[in-house]
Amino acid sequence: MPRIAPVEPPYSDEVQAVFDRIMPPGVAPLRLFRTLARSERVYRKFNAGSLLDRGSLSLRQRELAIDRTCALNGCAYEWGVHIAFFAERVKLTAQEVDALARPRINLAAWPDDEAAILALCEELHATSRISDNCWSMLKAVFVDEQILELIALAGFYRTVAYFANGLELEAEAFGAPLPVENAGK
């Protein structure tokens, strides 16, 4: 039994319009979205800050930030959605997916831009700060607009983890599993 039951169709016109805009054709609205839609105000605010649009980062860069943040927060629900929808699309190898889910990541195994993203996620998760070393890594490969987007992505997906984990959302049927030994590390 879910902690808060997701809304069921028919949805309000406003909620249906958002679902139509963000969901791929033929894919039912995610359980997270349907649950948050219990409060249309919360759902509107959630969507306003979601960064679901195309920003200044590549899709792969965005996904690395999202996937690592979800793994660090033990957010199996959102990890499953993103790995299922995007891992192949952004050409994440099985070894990269596995590495993203581990409690510790070997930054030397990643290109400079990707290592900077992963270092940022690690530091924000651990301290809510960015060290001078990490900042130097970021500035070597990203412009200010991209750094701001990366910080926003990490923060937003930590919020997603609060919702998904706090509400104990059941995984989507198509979701990829987050290795249990990594959940919440």
Protein backbone atom coordinates (compact mmCIF):
# COMPACT_ATOMS: atom_id res chain seq x y z
CA MET A 1 0.00 0.00 0.00
CA PRO A 2 1.54 3.34 -0.99
CA ARG A 3 2.02 6.00 1.67
CA ILE A 4 0.16 8.43 -0.60
CA ALA A 5 -1.89 6.94 -3.41
CA PRO A 6 -1.08 8.28 -6.89
CA VAL A 7 -3.86 10.11 -8.73
CA GLU A 8 -5.69 8.02 -11.28
CA PRO A 9 -7.25 9.09 -14.59
CA PRO A 10 -9.08 11.11 -15.50
CA TYR A 11 -6.56 13.77 -14.49
CA SER A 12 -7.33 17.47 -14.18
CA ASP A 13 -6.74 19.43 -17.38
CA GLU A 14 -3.66 21.11 -15.87
CA VAL A 15 -2.09 17.86 -14.70
CA GLN A 16 -2.90 16.08 -17.97
CA ALA A 17 -1.26 18.92 -19.91
CA VAL A 18 1.96 18.48 -17.90
CA PHE A 19 1.90 14.71 -18.35
CA ASP A 20 1.43 15.16 -22.10
CA ARG A 21 4.37 17.56 -22.23
CA ILE A 22 6.89 15.52 -20.25
CA MET A 23 6.03 11.88 -20.94
CA PRO A 24 7.05 10.11 -24.14
CA PRO A 25 4.11 9.03 -26.31
CA GLY A 26 2.67 5.72 -25.14
CA VAL A 27 4.36 5.84 -21.72
CA ALA A 28 2.05 6.19 -18.73
CA PRO A 29 2.83 9.01 -16.29
CA LEU A 30 5.39 7.97 -13.72
CA ARG A 31 4.26 6.97 -10.24
CA LEU A 32 6.32 9.85 -8.81
CA PHE A 33 4.49 12.40 -10.97
CA ARG A 34 1.08 10.90 -10.23
CA THR A 35 1.80 10.89 -6.50
CA LEU A 36 3.01 14.48 -6.42
CA ALA A 37 -0.08 15.46 -8.41
CA ARG A 38 -2.11 14.74 -5.24
CA SER A 39 -1.12 18.33 -4.49
CA GLU A 40 -1.35 20.25 -7.74
CA ARG A 41 0.52 23.13 -6.10
CA VAL A 42 3.47 20.88 -5.10
CA TYR A 43 3.43 19.26 -8.53
CA ARG A 44 3.49 22.65 -10.28
CA LYS A 45 6.42 23.79 -8.13
CA PHE A 46 8.20 20.48 -8.71
CA ASN A 47 7.85 20.82 -12.46
CA ALA A 48 8.91 24.46 -12.41
CA GLY A 49 12.25 23.44 -10.91
CA SER A 50 12.76 20.16 -12.71
CA LEU A 51 15.20 21.08 -15.49
CA LEU A 52 13.45 18.59 -17.78
CA ASP A 53 14.12 20.89 -20.70
CA ARG A 54 17.25 20.85 -22.83
CA GLY A 55 19.94 22.90 -21.10
CA SER A 56 23.54 23.76 -21.83
CA LEU A 57 24.84 20.28 -20.96
CA SER A 58 24.84 17.20 -23.14
CA LEU A 59 22.27 14.54 -22.29
CA ARG A 60 25.09 12.26 -21.15
CA GLN A 61 26.48 14.92 -18.82
CA ARG A 62 23.01 15.50 -17.36
CA GLU A 63 22.47 11.78 -16.87
CA LEU A 64 25.80 11.32 -15.11
CA ALA A 65 24.82 14.00 -12.59
CA ILE A 66 21.34 12.53 -12.16
CA ASP A 67 22.43 8.89 -11.94
CA ARG A 68 25.25 9.57 -9.49
CA THR A 69 23.06 11.76 -7.28
CA CYS A 70 20.34 9.08 -7.24
CA ALA A 71 22.86 6.36 -6.37
CA LEU A 72 24.47 8.43 -3.60
CA ASN A 73 21.04 9.05 -2.10
CA GLY A 74 19.98 5.40 -2.38
CA CYS A 75 17.10 6.43 -4.63
CA ALA A 76 16.31 3.13 -6.31
CA TYR A 77 13.07 4.47 -7.79
CA GLU A 78 14.61 7.33 -9.80
CA TRP A 79 17.80 5.40 -10.55
CA GLY A 80 15.62 2.72 -12.13
CA VAL A 81 13.71 5.21 -14.29
CA HIS A 82 16.82 6.99 -15.56
CA ILE A 83 18.93 3.90 -16.20
CA ALA A 84 16.02 2.28 -18.05
CA PHE A 85 15.21 5.34 -20.16
CA PHE A 86 18.61 6.87 -20.75
CA ALA A 87 21.60 4.56 -20.12
CA GLU A 88 21.57 3.10 -23.61
CA ARG A 89 20.64 6.41 -25.21
CA VAL A 90 23.69 8.16 -23.70
CA LYS A 91 25.89 5.14 -24.34
CA LEU A 92 26.61 4.22 -20.73
CA THR A 93 28.37 0.87 -20.69
CA ALA A 94 27.44 -1.81 -18.18
CA GLN A 95 30.74 -1.09 -16.40
CA GLU A 96 29.92 2.65 -16.21
CA VAL A 97 26.44 1.95 -14.86
CA ASP A 98 27.96 -0.33 -12.24
CA ALA A 99 30.58 2.29 -11.33
CA LEU A 100 27.93 5.00 -10.96
CA ALA A 101 26.08 2.84 -8.44
CA ARG A 102 29.09 2.09 -6.23
CA PRO A 103 29.67 3.89 -2.94
CA ARG A 104 33.08 5.10 -4.20
CA ILE A 105 33.95 6.01 -7.77
CA ASN A 106 37.33 6.05 -9.48
CA LEU A 107 37.41 9.51 -11.06
CA ALA A 108 40.61 8.67 -12.98
CA ALA A 109 38.61 6.20 -15.09
CA TRP A 110 36.44 8.99 -16.54
CA PRO A 111 37.15 11.80 -19.05
CA ASP A 112 37.86 15.20 -17.45
CA ASP A 113 34.36 16.64 -17.93
CA GLU A 114 32.68 13.52 -16.57
CA ALA A 115 35.11 13.22 -13.64
CA ALA A 116 34.34 16.85 -12.74
CA ILE A 117 30.59 16.10 -12.74
CA LEU A 118 31.03 13.04 -10.57
CA ALA A 119 33.35 14.87 -8.15
CA LEU A 120 30.78 17.65 -7.87
CA CYS A 121 28.01 15.16 -7.05
CA GLU A 122 30.21 13.45 -4.45
CA GLU A 123 31.13 16.71 -2.73
CA LEU A 124 27.66 18.22 -2.74
CA HIS A 125 26.23 15.00 -1.36
CA ALA A 126 28.85 14.71 1.38
CA THR A 127 29.24 18.36 2.41
CA SER A 128 26.84 20.60 0.48
CA ARG A 129 29.99 22.45 -0.61
CA ILE A 130 32.43 22.50 -3.53
CA SER A 131 36.13 22.31 -2.68
CA ASP A 132 38.68 24.47 -4.48
CA ASN A 133 40.04 21.35 -6.18
CA CYS A 134 36.60 20.36 -7.49
CA TRP A 135 35.92 23.94 -8.54
CA SER A 136 39.15 23.94 -10.57
CA MET A 137 38.10 20.69 -12.23
CA LEU A 138 34.73 22.20 -13.15
CA LYS A 139 36.13 25.50 -14.42
CA ALA A 140 38.62 23.65 -16.63
CA VAL A 141 35.82 22.09 -18.68
CA PHE A 142 32.58 24.01 -18.08
CA VAL A 143 31.32 27.58 -18.37
CA ASP A 144 29.44 29.21 -15.50
CA GLU A 145 26.01 28.45 -17.00
CA GLN A 146 26.84 24.73 -17.12
CA ILE A 147 28.20 24.68 -13.56
CA LEU A 148 25.02 26.31 -12.29
CA GLU A 149 22.95 23.71 -14.13
CA LEU A 150 25.02 20.87 -12.65
CA ILE A 151 24.53 22.22 -9.13
CA ALA A 152 20.80 22.58 -9.80
CA LEU A 153 20.56 19.03 -11.16
CA ALA A 154 22.30 17.57 -8.11
CA GLY A 155 20.04 19.55 -5.79
CA PHE A 156 16.88 18.77 -7.68
CA TYR A 157 17.54 15.04 -7.82
CA ARG A 158 18.35 15.01 -4.11
CA THR A 159 14.85 16.47 -3.69
CA VAL A 160 13.51 13.72 -5.96
CA ALA A 161 15.24 11.21 -3.68
CA TYR A 162 13.52 12.76 -0.66
CA PHE A 163 10.14 12.30 -2.34
CA ALA A 164 10.77 8.80 -3.72
CA ASN A 165 12.47 7.44 -0.62
CA GLY A 166 10.27 9.26 1.89
CA LEU A 167 7.11 8.11 0.17
CA GLU A 168 8.57 4.63 -0.35
CA LEU A 169 7.53 4.69 -4.00
CA GLU A 170 7.27 1.31 -5.61
CA ALA A 171 9.64 0.92 -8.55
CA GLU A 172 8.24 1.34 -12.03
CA ALA A 173 7.78 -2.04 -13.74
CA PHE A 174 10.39 -1.15 -16.38
CA GLY A 175 12.88 0.30 -13.89
CA ALA A 176 16.45 -0.95 -13.62
CA PRO A 177 17.48 -2.14 -10.16
CA LEU A 178 19.91 -0.17 -8.03
CA PRO A 179 22.23 -2.74 -6.50
CA VAL A 180 20.98 -3.28 -2.93
CA GLU A 181 24.46 -3.03 -1.43
CA ASN A 182 24.66 0.55 -2.73
CA ALA A 183 21.29 1.83 -1.58
CA GLY A 184 21.74 4.73 0.79
CA LYS A 185 25.54 4.67 0.87
